[in-house]
Amino acid sequence: MKDDFKSLSPEEIKKEIVSSSEEVRKARFQYGVTRSLENTKTIRDHKKRIARALTTLREKELSAQGKLKQIAPKAGSVAKATKPSKGKKK
């Protein structure tokens, strides 16, 4: 499940980053020292959550400065790459 950080304020996003970092630290300790971590995927999930939050935070900073470029999706289908012919050159 992807988190929706776009609706949060920058301060709330920073709190989420700190809490997820703490969860990663706890999970790494459980995995490395006590060997009591049942699901090692939680480390990866929290790291991805941190990355999403940092990306959203950076997007908000750039949009506040007016430096974020919005890329509009292209209408229609995607152009196909053409392969060079294998025959003789003319």
N, C-alpha and C. Protein backbone atom coordinates (compact mmCIF):
# COMPACT_ATOMS: atom_id res chain seq x y z
N MET A 1 0.84 -1.17 0.00
CA MET A 1 0.00 0.00 0.00
C MET A 1 0.89 1.24 0.00
N LYS A 2 0.71 2.10 -0.98
CA LYS A 2 1.50 3.31 -1.06
C LYS A 2 0.86 4.38 -0.18
N ASP A 3 1.71 5.15 0.45
CA ASP A 3 1.24 6.20 1.33
C ASP A 3 1.00 7.47 0.53
N ASP A 4 0.00 8.24 0.95
CA ASP A 4 -0.30 9.49 0.29
C ASP A 4 0.28 10.62 1.12
N PHE A 5 1.49 11.05 0.79
CA PHE A 5 2.16 12.10 1.52
C PHE A 5 1.82 13.48 0.95
N LYS A 6 1.20 13.54 -0.21
CA LYS A 6 0.93 14.82 -0.85
C LYS A 6 -0.06 15.66 -0.05
N SER A 7 -0.91 15.03 0.73
CA SER A 7 -1.90 15.78 1.50
C SER A 7 -1.35 16.24 2.86
N LEU A 8 -0.15 15.79 3.23
CA LEU A 8 0.43 16.15 4.52
C LEU A 8 1.28 17.41 4.39
N SER A 9 1.44 18.11 5.52
CA SER A 9 2.31 19.29 5.55
C SER A 9 3.76 18.83 5.63
N PRO A 10 4.71 19.70 5.31
CA PRO A 10 6.13 19.31 5.39
C PRO A 10 6.55 18.86 6.80
N GLU A 11 5.99 19.47 7.83
CA GLU A 11 6.33 19.07 9.20
C GLU A 11 5.84 17.66 9.50
N GLU A 12 4.64 17.34 9.03
CA GLU A 12 4.09 15.99 9.23
C GLU A 12 4.90 14.95 8.47
N ILE A 13 5.35 15.33 7.26
CA ILE A 13 6.17 14.41 6.46
C ILE A 13 7.48 14.14 7.19
N LYS A 14 8.09 15.17 7.76
CA LYS A 14 9.34 14.98 8.50
C LYS A 14 9.14 14.08 9.70
N LYS A 15 7.98 14.18 10.37
CA LYS A 15 7.68 13.30 11.50
C LYS A 15 7.55 11.85 11.04
N GLU A 16 6.94 11.66 9.88
CA GLU A 16 6.81 10.31 9.32
C GLU A 16 8.19 9.74 8.97
N ILE A 17 9.07 10.57 8.45
CA ILE A 17 10.42 10.12 8.11
C ILE A 17 11.15 9.68 9.38
N VAL A 18 11.05 10.47 10.43
CA VAL A 18 11.71 10.14 11.68
C VAL A 18 11.16 8.85 12.27
N SER A 19 9.84 8.70 12.25
CA SER A 19 9.25 7.48 12.83
C SER A 19 9.61 6.24 12.01
N SER A 20 9.63 6.37 10.69
CA SER A 20 10.01 5.23 9.84
C SER A 20 11.49 4.89 10.02
N SER A 21 12.32 5.91 10.20
CA SER A 21 13.74 5.66 10.44
C SER A 21 13.95 4.91 11.75
N GLU A 22 13.16 5.26 12.75
CA GLU A 22 13.22 4.57 14.04
C GLU A 22 12.77 3.11 13.89
N GLU A 23 11.75 2.88 13.08
CA GLU A 23 11.28 1.52 12.84
C GLU A 23 12.35 0.69 12.12
N VAL A 24 13.05 1.31 11.16
CA VAL A 24 14.12 0.60 10.46
C VAL A 24 15.22 0.23 11.45
N ARG A 25 15.58 1.18 12.31
CA ARG A 25 16.62 0.92 13.30
C ARG A 25 16.23 -0.23 14.22
N LYS A 26 14.99 -0.23 14.69
CA LYS A 26 14.52 -1.30 15.58
C LYS A 26 14.51 -2.66 14.86
N ALA A 27 14.04 -2.65 13.60
CA ALA A 27 13.97 -3.89 12.85
C ALA A 27 15.37 -4.44 12.56
N ARG A 28 16.31 -3.56 12.25
CA ARG A 28 17.68 -4.02 12.01
C ARG A 28 18.30 -4.60 13.27
N PHE A 29 17.99 -4.00 14.40
CA PHE A 29 18.49 -4.52 15.67
C PHE A 29 17.91 -5.90 15.94
N GLN A 30 16.60 -6.03 15.72
CA GLN A 30 15.96 -7.34 15.93
C GLN A 30 16.53 -8.38 14.99
N TYR A 31 16.81 -7.99 13.77
CA TYR A 31 17.32 -8.95 12.80
C TYR A 31 18.78 -9.31 13.07
N GLY A 32 19.60 -8.32 13.38
CA GLY A 32 21.02 -8.55 13.51
C GLY A 32 21.46 -9.10 14.85
N VAL A 33 20.87 -8.63 15.93
CA VAL A 33 21.36 -8.99 17.26
C VAL A 33 20.52 -10.10 17.89
N THR A 34 19.23 -9.88 17.97
CA THR A 34 18.40 -10.84 18.69
C THR A 34 17.85 -11.96 17.81
N ARG A 35 17.92 -11.75 16.48
CA ARG A 35 17.39 -12.75 15.52
C ARG A 35 15.91 -13.08 15.79
N SER A 36 15.17 -12.06 16.24
CA SER A 36 13.76 -12.29 16.55
C SER A 36 12.82 -11.64 15.54
N LEU A 37 13.35 -11.08 14.46
CA LEU A 37 12.50 -10.45 13.45
C LEU A 37 11.89 -11.54 12.58
N GLU A 38 10.56 -11.58 12.55
CA GLU A 38 9.86 -12.62 11.80
C GLU A 38 9.78 -12.29 10.31
N ASN A 39 9.54 -11.02 10.00
CA ASN A 39 9.36 -10.64 8.60
C ASN A 39 10.42 -9.60 8.23
N THR A 40 11.42 -9.99 7.48
CA THR A 40 12.50 -9.07 7.12
C THR A 40 12.05 -8.05 6.08
N LYS A 41 10.92 -8.26 5.48
CA LYS A 41 10.43 -7.32 4.47
C LYS A 41 10.05 -5.98 5.09
N THR A 42 9.83 -5.95 6.39
CA THR A 42 9.46 -4.69 7.04
C THR A 42 10.57 -3.65 6.90
N ILE A 43 11.83 -4.10 6.90
CA ILE A 43 12.94 -3.16 6.73
C ILE A 43 12.86 -2.50 5.36
N ARG A 44 12.67 -3.30 4.33
CA ARG A 44 12.57 -2.78 2.97
C ARG A 44 11.36 -1.87 2.81
N ASP A 45 10.22 -2.25 3.40
CA ASP A 45 9.01 -1.44 3.30
C ASP A 45 9.19 -0.07 3.94
N HIS A 46 9.82 -0.03 5.10
CA HIS A 46 10.03 1.25 5.78
C HIS A 46 11.03 2.11 5.02
N LYS A 47 12.04 1.49 4.41
CA LYS A 47 13.00 2.26 3.63
C LYS A 47 12.33 2.87 2.40
N LYS A 48 11.44 2.13 1.78
CA LYS A 48 10.71 2.66 0.63
C LYS A 48 9.77 3.77 1.06
N ARG A 49 9.18 3.62 2.24
CA ARG A 49 8.29 4.65 2.77
C ARG A 49 9.07 5.94 3.01
N ILE A 50 10.30 5.82 3.53
CA ILE A 50 11.15 6.98 3.75
C ILE A 50 11.47 7.65 2.41
N ALA A 51 11.80 6.86 1.41
CA ALA A 51 12.14 7.40 0.10
C ALA A 51 10.95 8.13 -0.52
N ARG A 52 9.75 7.57 -0.41
CA ARG A 52 8.56 8.24 -0.93
C ARG A 52 8.33 9.57 -0.21
N ALA A 53 8.50 9.57 1.10
CA ALA A 53 8.29 10.79 1.88
C ALA A 53 9.32 11.86 1.51
N LEU A 54 10.58 11.46 1.35
CA LEU A 54 11.61 12.42 0.97
C LEU A 54 11.36 12.99 -0.43
N THR A 55 10.89 12.15 -1.34
CA THR A 55 10.58 12.60 -2.69
C THR A 55 9.45 13.62 -2.66
N THR A 56 8.40 13.33 -1.92
CA THR A 56 7.28 14.24 -1.82
C THR A 56 7.69 15.55 -1.17
N LEU A 57 8.53 15.47 -0.14
CA LEU A 57 9.01 16.66 0.54
C LEU A 57 9.82 17.53 -0.42
N ARG A 58 10.68 16.91 -1.22
CA ARG A 58 11.48 17.66 -2.20
C ARG A 58 10.59 18.28 -3.27
N GLU A 59 9.57 17.57 -3.72
CA GLU A 59 8.64 18.11 -4.71
C GLU A 59 7.95 19.35 -4.16
N LYS A 60 7.55 19.31 -2.88
CA LYS A 60 6.88 20.45 -2.27
C LYS A 60 7.83 21.64 -2.17
N GLU A 61 9.09 21.38 -1.84
CA GLU A 61 10.07 22.46 -1.75
C GLU A 61 10.29 23.11 -3.12
N LEU A 62 10.42 22.29 -4.15
CA LEU A 62 10.65 22.82 -5.49
C LEU A 62 9.44 23.56 -6.02
N SER A 63 8.25 23.07 -5.74
CA SER A 63 7.05 23.75 -6.22
C SER A 63 6.85 25.08 -5.50
N ALA A 64 7.27 25.17 -4.23
CA ALA A 64 7.18 26.43 -3.50
C ALA A 64 8.15 27.46 -4.09
N GLN A 65 9.28 27.00 -4.60
CA GLN A 65 10.26 27.89 -5.21
C GLN A 65 9.92 28.18 -6.67
N GLY A 66 8.99 27.44 -7.22
CA GLY A 66 8.61 27.62 -8.63
C GLY A 66 9.56 26.95 -9.58
N LYS A 67 10.36 26.02 -9.11
CA LYS A 67 11.35 25.36 -9.95
C LYS A 67 10.91 23.99 -10.44
N LEU A 68 9.78 23.50 -9.98
CA LEU A 68 9.33 22.16 -10.36
C LEU A 68 8.61 22.24 -11.70
N LYS A 69 9.08 21.46 -12.66
CA LYS A 69 8.46 21.42 -13.97
C LYS A 69 7.44 20.30 -14.00
N GLN A 70 6.24 20.62 -14.38
CA GLN A 70 5.20 19.61 -14.52
C GLN A 70 5.27 19.05 -15.93
N ILE A 71 5.37 17.75 -16.03
CA ILE A 71 5.45 17.08 -17.32
C ILE A 71 4.06 16.58 -17.67
N ALA A 72 3.53 17.07 -18.77
CA ALA A 72 2.20 16.68 -19.21
C ALA A 72 2.29 15.35 -19.94
N PRO A 73 1.34 14.44 -19.69
CA PRO A 73 1.36 13.16 -20.42
C PRO A 73 1.01 13.39 -21.88
N LYS A 74 1.66 12.63 -22.74
CA LYS A 74 1.43 12.76 -24.17
C LYS A 74 0.12 12.09 -24.55
N ALA A 75 -0.60 12.72 -25.45
CA ALA A 75 -1.85 12.16 -25.93
C ALA A 75 -1.56 11.11 -26.99
N GLY A 76 -2.38 10.11 -27.06
CA GLY A 76 -2.21 9.09 -28.08
C GLY A 76 -1.30 7.97 -27.62
N SER A 77 -0.84 7.19 -28.56
CA SER A 77 -0.03 6.03 -28.22
C SER A 77 1.45 6.39 -28.21
N VAL A 78 2.23 5.50 -27.66
CA VAL A 78 3.67 5.67 -27.58
C VAL A 78 4.28 5.28 -28.91
N ALA A 79 5.22 6.09 -29.39
CA ALA A 79 5.88 5.82 -30.67
C ALA A 79 6.76 4.58 -30.55
N LYS A 80 6.72 3.74 -31.56
CA LYS A 80 7.52 2.52 -31.56
C LYS A 80 8.89 2.81 -32.17
N ALA A 81 9.89 2.18 -31.64
CA ALA A 81 11.24 2.32 -32.19
C ALA A 81 11.34 1.44 -33.43
N THR A 82 11.95 1.97 -34.47
CA THR A 82 12.08 1.20 -35.71
C THR A 82 13.42 0.48 -35.70
N LYS A 83 13.43 -0.73 -36.19
CA LYS A 83 14.65 -1.52 -36.28
C LYS A 83 15.27 -1.29 -37.66
N PRO A 84 16.58 -1.25 -37.71
CA PRO A 84 17.22 -1.12 -39.03
C PRO A 84 17.01 -2.41 -39.84
N SER A 85 16.93 -2.24 -41.14
CA SER A 85 16.71 -3.41 -41.99
C SER A 85 17.98 -4.26 -42.04
N LYS A 86 17.80 -5.55 -42.24
CA LYS A 86 18.92 -6.46 -42.26
C LYS A 86 19.42 -6.72 -43.69
N GLY A 87 18.76 -6.14 -44.67
CA GLY A 87 19.15 -6.37 -46.06
C GLY A 87 20.33 -5.52 -46.48
N LYS A 88 20.60 -5.58 -47.78
CA LYS A 88 21.72 -4.81 -48.33
C LYS A 88 21.37 -3.33 -48.29
N LYS A 89 22.43 -2.54 -48.13
CA LYS A 89 22.25 -1.10 -48.17
C LYS A 89 22.13 -0.66 -49.62
N LYS A 90 21.25 0.25 -49.88
CA LYS A 90 21.04 0.71 -51.25
C LYS A 90 21.62 2.06 -51.43
